[in-house]
Amino acid sequence: MENREIAAEVIHAVGGAENIQSVAHCATRLRLMVNDESKIDKKKVEDIPKVKGAFFNSGQYQIIFGTGTVNKIYDEVIGLGAHETSTAEMKSEATKNANPFQRMVRTFGDVFVPIIPVLVATGLFMGLRGLITQPQILQLFGMTPDAINSDFLLYTQVLTDTAFAFLPALVAWSTFKVFGGSPIIGIVLGLMLVNPALPNAYAVASGDATPIMLLNFIPIVGYQGTVLPAFIAGILGSKLEKRLHKSVPDTFDLLVTPFVTLLVMSLLSLMVIGPIFHSFETVVLNGTEFVLALPFGLAGLIIGFLNQLIVVTGVHHIFNFLEVQLLANTGVNPFNAIITCSIAAQGGATLAVGFKTKSKKLKALCFPSALSAFLGITEPAIFGVNLRYVKPFIMGLIGGAVGGFAASLLQLAGTGMAITVIPGTLLYLNGQLLPYLFVNILAISVAFVLTYLFGYQEKMEEELEQA
């Protein structure tokens, strides 16, 4: 079936063009805002060729097509008369129906997601640096660590340290952008928090420097590697800027608004926001490290089991903050190894369904969905296969718990974030590659075997067809 025919089938199955308020898409899903959910023939939608699953989330009907395909289907749907909107506008509309906690989590996601590509690149640089400085690797070329050129090592340090040294600037920029302020003011405000004239936060923490004592009792330091102070400063700064735009006469707006915003927010950030929220951030970090350090692999067992359940609820973006904070303050990310196992396990469960089912259509859905999970994207596997039959999803959770348990026992920790399973191997080139492969294969194997033996029977397909 051609993409245009598929688009027409989608429009018909969701109640016709008149039932579609707007349509947008992300990397894998076609996102529809509809007038009346009851008019959607969900069974018919899921029977459309190339559809890997569909579900309601945040007031949107989301149809999974996968990367590449979704763009083509979206173009055809728009060509057939559906109202186009941006994903940001659709998110704004959907947020109106969300509860306060969901709105907070979505805001965290909107702020941190644009920063993630830079942190991914930094993590890869860290992994590659770890690889080329390993004595075992250097021995293959007849070299020792002492033989590495010092200028080259300095360059690799520039690659691995820059993003985290200037992290407050990235956070403030993104926060200003999300909350409607001028991103350039956010960048400058964030850079003020890490200005070299201020005592370096890491040097103060190690005892090599002392903070500036303002009024003899307010400690002033740089905030290298911090997240919360820049985030709060970004929210308040963008709101102050917007208020000034409204109250300052147009003639003086260009001069007064940036000046007042930066003056007020720099003082507020260094004297009030920074000390308070950096202390709170330290508490959160210590709490996270405490959980991750639970004995007997308990952290991996719990997080590995719960992670994909949290993904289904859509509030998993809150972990972005924790991962960024871990990387900025400790240089490693134990979360990544654990959640990677939970992702891989869902792929293993889907793979088992694909091998066991006799349905050609289900096989055609399972294998690419499993591959997608092994590349780090679980929506096709979860919503297209595992949750439809429930038991494969549960077996996937168990596989994730077992893999996470092993990852905790082996103390695996990635050098970055946001890439997992096969692409995630690049975060473990610093001597951790074999244990990383082991825990992922373990998670996949447990989920596969449990699903094949207990999680899927052919009658499930028949029952679903009759439902």
Foldseek 3Di string as FASTA:
>chain_A
DDLLVLLVQQQVQQQHLQQFPEWEADQFKIKTQGDDRVSHNQVSNLPRPQFLFWDDALNIIITGNHGPSVVSSVVSNVVVPHHYDYPVVVNVVSCVPDDPLLVVLVLLLQLLVVVAVLLVQLLLLVLVVLQVQDQVNVVVVPDHNVPDDPVVVVVSCCSNQVCQQLVLLSSLLSLLVSQVAHSVLSNVLSCLLNPPVFAAPVCCVVVNDAFDQDVNNFGFGRDGRDRQLSNVLSNVLSVQLVVLVVVPDPVCNVPPSSVVSSVVSSCCSRGPSVVVVVVVLVVVLVVVVVLLLDPQLPSLLVCLLCVVVVVVNVSNSVCSNNQSSCCSPPQWALSQLLVLLLLLLLLLLLVLCLVQEPDPSSVVQSPVLSVVSLFPDNVSSVRSPCVLQVLLNNQSSNLSSQLRSLSSVVVDIFSGDDTHRPVSLSRQSNPCNVSSVVSNVSSSVSSNVCCNVPVDDNVSVVVSVVD
